[in-house]
């Protein structure tokens, strides 16, 4: 119905943005990921999804189409509503969600408020194939690069005698605080400190 809005950002917060499109102001609910992408912009394009329920219409917005696609996949899973999907996109970067679901990383999914073990299992079960195909098609996504570094770091940590689950948690903790980390040695050292 509403594919996107292009206009001026008259108000921005980590949860919402007001988009002025030719004098009409749209209140759009956004994720932290989108907020960090538009924080320094005065205007731009927000991809949207309009949710219509008995108690009202809610507009959700995304900085890029990939984030919107992941949101739509997430809300297609039984038990995962729009609020939970937005919480996931605020807690974990979109490419990390794709990687976690593709690799069956339940621990990372469960680290999101509102996602329990059963919901995490359902996400993996229902979306693994869909997001796996999307990952190979999408050119602007590059979770493969991050995943290789994560995998190599995990191999190094387990070879040092650290359990796989403990190693995964430490790596994810470092990546959450430093999402742009790309040096394997640095990731291993910081993960060791995070244990």
Protein backbone atom coordinates (compact mmCIF):
# COMPACT_ATOMS: atom_id res chain seq x y z
CA UNK A 1 0.00 0.00 0.00
CA UNK A 2 2.65 2.53 1.06
CA UNK A 3 5.99 1.35 -0.33
CA UNK A 4 8.06 4.27 0.95
CA UNK A 5 7.96 7.90 2.05
CA UNK A 6 10.33 10.53 0.69
CA UNK A 7 10.51 13.80 2.55
CA UNK A 8 11.92 15.89 5.38
CA UNK A 9 12.61 14.40 8.80
CA UNK A 10 10.98 16.96 11.11
CA UNK A 11 11.39 14.87 14.28
CA UNK A 12 13.70 11.95 15.06
CA UNK A 13 14.01 9.71 18.11
CA UNK A 14 15.40 6.18 18.49
CA UNK A 15 11.83 4.85 18.19
CA UNK A 16 10.09 7.26 15.79
CA UNK A 17 10.56 9.66 12.93
CA UNK A 18 8.12 12.20 11.52
CA UNK A 19 8.37 12.42 7.74
CA UNK A 20 6.96 15.56 6.11
CA UNK A 21 5.84 14.67 2.58
CA UNK A 22 4.59 17.84 0.86
CA UNK A 23 3.08 19.22 4.05
CA UNK A 24 1.62 15.94 5.33
CA UNK A 25 3.39 14.55 8.41
CA UNK A 26 3.65 10.77 8.80
CA UNK A 27 4.51 9.25 12.18
CA UNK A 28 6.73 6.25 11.49
CA UNK A 29 7.92 3.67 14.03
CA UNK A 30 11.54 2.75 13.39
CA UNK A 31 14.26 0.47 14.74
CA UNK A 32 17.48 1.62 16.35
CA UNK A 33 19.29 0.44 13.20
CA UNK A 34 17.24 2.84 11.05
CA UNK A 35 17.64 5.67 13.58
CA UNK A 36 21.43 5.38 13.52
CA UNK A 37 21.33 5.47 9.70
CA UNK A 38 19.14 8.62 9.48
CA UNK A 39 20.40 10.40 12.61
CA UNK A 40 22.53 12.88 10.67
CA UNK A 41 20.08 13.32 7.75
CA UNK A 42 17.49 16.09 7.41
CA UNK A 43 15.56 14.35 4.66
CA UNK A 44 15.50 11.07 2.80
CA UNK A 45 13.58 7.96 1.89
CA UNK A 46 12.04 5.57 4.42
CA UNK A 47 10.71 2.21 3.20
CA UNK A 48 7.44 1.49 4.95
CA UNK A 49 5.05 -1.23 6.06
CA UNK A 50 1.52 -0.28 7.10
CA UNK A 51 0.03 -2.57 9.72
CA UNK A 52 -3.75 -2.42 9.93
CA UNK A 53 -5.41 -3.77 13.06
CA UNK A 54 -8.79 -3.30 14.72
CA UNK A 55 -7.33 -0.83 17.22
CA UNK A 56 -5.50 1.33 14.68
CA UNK A 57 -3.09 1.74 11.78
CA UNK A 58 0.64 1.69 12.52
CA UNK A 59 3.34 2.67 10.06
CA UNK A 60 6.77 1.01 10.38
CA UNK A 61 9.76 2.44 8.57
CA UNK A 62 13.16 1.14 7.45
CA UNK A 63 16.29 2.80 6.14
CA UNK A 64 16.81 0.19 3.40
CA UNK A 65 14.76 -2.43 1.60
CA UNK A 66 16.76 -5.32 3.09
CA UNK A 67 15.75 -4.33 6.62
CA UNK A 68 12.10 -4.09 5.52
CA UNK A 69 12.30 -7.53 3.90
CA UNK A 70 13.70 -9.08 7.09
CA UNK A 71 10.95 -7.37 9.13
CA UNK A 72 8.29 -8.86 6.83
CA UNK A 73 9.88 -12.31 7.14
CA UNK A 74 9.99 -12.01 10.94
CA UNK A 75 6.33 -11.01 11.32
CA UNK A 76 5.29 -13.89 9.04
CA UNK A 77 6.36 -16.29 11.81
CA UNK A 78 3.60 -17.27 14.23
CA UNK A 79 4.08 -15.61 17.62
CA UNK A 80 6.37 -12.84 16.33
CA UNK A 81 4.54 -9.53 16.17
CA UNK A 82 5.62 -6.20 14.75
CA UNK A 83 6.82 -4.95 18.15
CA UNK A 84 9.02 -8.02 18.64
CA UNK A 85 10.38 -7.80 15.09
CA UNK A 86 11.24 -4.12 15.66
CA UNK A 87 12.92 -5.04 18.97
CA UNK A 88 15.01 -7.65 17.11
CA UNK A 89 16.09 -5.09 14.50
CA UNK A 90 16.99 -2.68 17.30
CA UNK A 91 19.01 -5.27 19.24
CA UNK A 92 20.77 -7.06 16.39
CA UNK A 93 21.85 -5.73 12.99
CA UNK A 94 19.73 -7.05 10.08
CA UNK A 95 22.64 -9.01 8.59
CA UNK A 96 23.30 -10.63 11.98
CA UNK A 97 19.65 -11.73 12.19
CA UNK A 98 19.95 -13.31 8.73
CA UNK A 99 23.19 -15.05 9.74
CA UNK A 100 21.80 -16.21 13.10
CA UNK A 101 18.72 -17.74 11.45
CA UNK A 102 20.72 -19.29 8.59
CA UNK A 103 23.22 -20.84 11.03
CA UNK A 104 20.64 -21.80 13.67
CA UNK A 105 22.28 -19.56 16.30
CA UNK A 106 19.47 -19.79 18.89
CA UNK A 107 21.53 -18.14 21.63
CA UNK A 108 21.83 -14.88 19.69
CA UNK A 109 18.12 -14.87 18.84
CA UNK A 110 17.17 -15.61 22.45
CA UNK A 111 19.28 -12.65 23.62
CA UNK A 112 16.54 -10.36 22.25
CA UNK A 113 13.88 -9.29 24.75
CA UNK A 114 10.62 -11.08 23.92
CA UNK A 115 12.23 -14.01 22.10
CA UNK A 116 12.20 -17.24 24.07
CA UNK A 117 13.60 -20.63 23.11
CA UNK A 118 10.44 -21.75 21.28
CA UNK A 119 10.19 -18.50 19.29
CA UNK A 120 13.88 -18.73 18.35
CA UNK A 121 13.43 -22.34 17.19
CA UNK A 122 10.34 -21.38 15.18
CA UNK A 123 12.22 -18.49 13.52
CA UNK A 124 15.03 -20.82 12.46
CA UNK A 125 12.64 -23.57 11.32
CA UNK A 126 10.40 -21.29 9.25
CA UNK A 127 12.93 -18.79 7.88
CA UNK A 128 16.20 -20.69 7.41
CA UNK A 129 15.54 -21.56 3.76
CA UNK A 130 13.88 -18.23 2.87
CA UNK A 131 16.66 -16.07 4.34
CA UNK A 132 19.37 -18.40 3.00
CA UNK A 133 18.11 -17.78 -0.54
CA UNK A 134 17.78 -14.03 0.10
CA UNK A 135 21.36 -13.87 1.35
CA UNK A 136 22.73 -15.27 -1.91
CA UNK A 137 20.51 -13.01 -4.05
CA UNK A 138 21.02 -9.73 -2.20
CA UNK A 139 24.12 -7.85 -3.27
CA UNK A 140 24.09 -5.07 -0.68
CA UNK A 141 24.21 -7.58 2.18
CA UNK A 142 27.58 -8.97 3.18
CA UNK A 143 27.07 -11.19 6.24
CA UNK A 144 29.41 -13.76 4.67
CA UNK A 145 32.46 -11.59 5.38
CA UNK A 146 31.45 -11.12 9.02
CA UNK A 147 30.57 -14.80 9.37
CA UNK A 148 34.00 -15.96 8.17
CA UNK A 149 35.71 -13.82 10.78
CA UNK A 150 33.26 -15.03 13.46
CA UNK A 151 33.77 -18.66 12.45
CA UNK A 152 37.55 -18.35 12.38
CA UNK A 153 37.49 -16.65 15.79
CA UNK A 154 35.24 -19.43 17.16
CA UNK A 155 37.62 -22.11 15.85
CA UNK A 156 40.52 -20.30 17.52
CA UNK A 157 38.65 -20.00 20.84
CA UNK A 158 37.55 -23.65 20.88
CA UNK A 159 41.12 -24.74 20.07
CA UNK A 160 42.16 -22.82 23.20
CA UNK A 161 39.83 -25.03 25.24
CA UNK A 162 36.87 -22.67 25.48
CA UNK A 163 33.44 -24.25 25.00
CA UNK A 164 31.63 -23.51 21.73
CA UNK A 165 28.64 -21.80 23.42
CA UNK A 166 30.89 -19.67 25.63
CA UNK A 167 32.97 -18.70 22.60
CA UNK A 168 29.88 -17.77 20.56
CA UNK A 169 28.54 -15.59 23.37
CA UNK A 170 31.86 -13.79 23.78
CA UNK A 171 32.18 -13.15 20.03
CA UNK A 172 28.61 -11.81 19.82
CA UNK A 173 29.23 -9.57 22.83
CA UNK A 174 32.27 -8.02 21.10
CA UNK A 175 30.42 -7.64 17.77
CA UNK A 176 27.50 -5.93 19.47
CA UNK A 177 29.81 -3.33 21.05
CA UNK A 178 32.07 -3.02 17.97
CA UNK A 179 29.98 -3.87 14.87
CA UNK A 180 32.70 -2.74 12.43
CA UNK A 181 35.43 -5.02 13.76
CA UNK A 182 37.13 -6.74 10.82
CA UNK A 183 40.50 -7.85 12.21
CA UNK A 184 40.49 -11.53 13.24
CA UNK A 185 43.29 -11.21 15.80
CA UNK A 186 41.59 -8.22 17.43
CA UNK A 187 38.25 -10.09 17.56
CA UNK A 188 39.89 -13.13 19.22
CA UNK A 189 41.70 -10.98 21.81
CA UNK A 190 38.58 -8.99 22.70
CA UNK A 191 36.48 -12.17 22.83
CA UNK A 192 38.95 -13.71 25.28
CA UNK A 193 38.59 -10.63 27.49
CA UNK A 194 34.78 -10.84 27.23
CA UNK A 195 34.70 -14.42 28.65
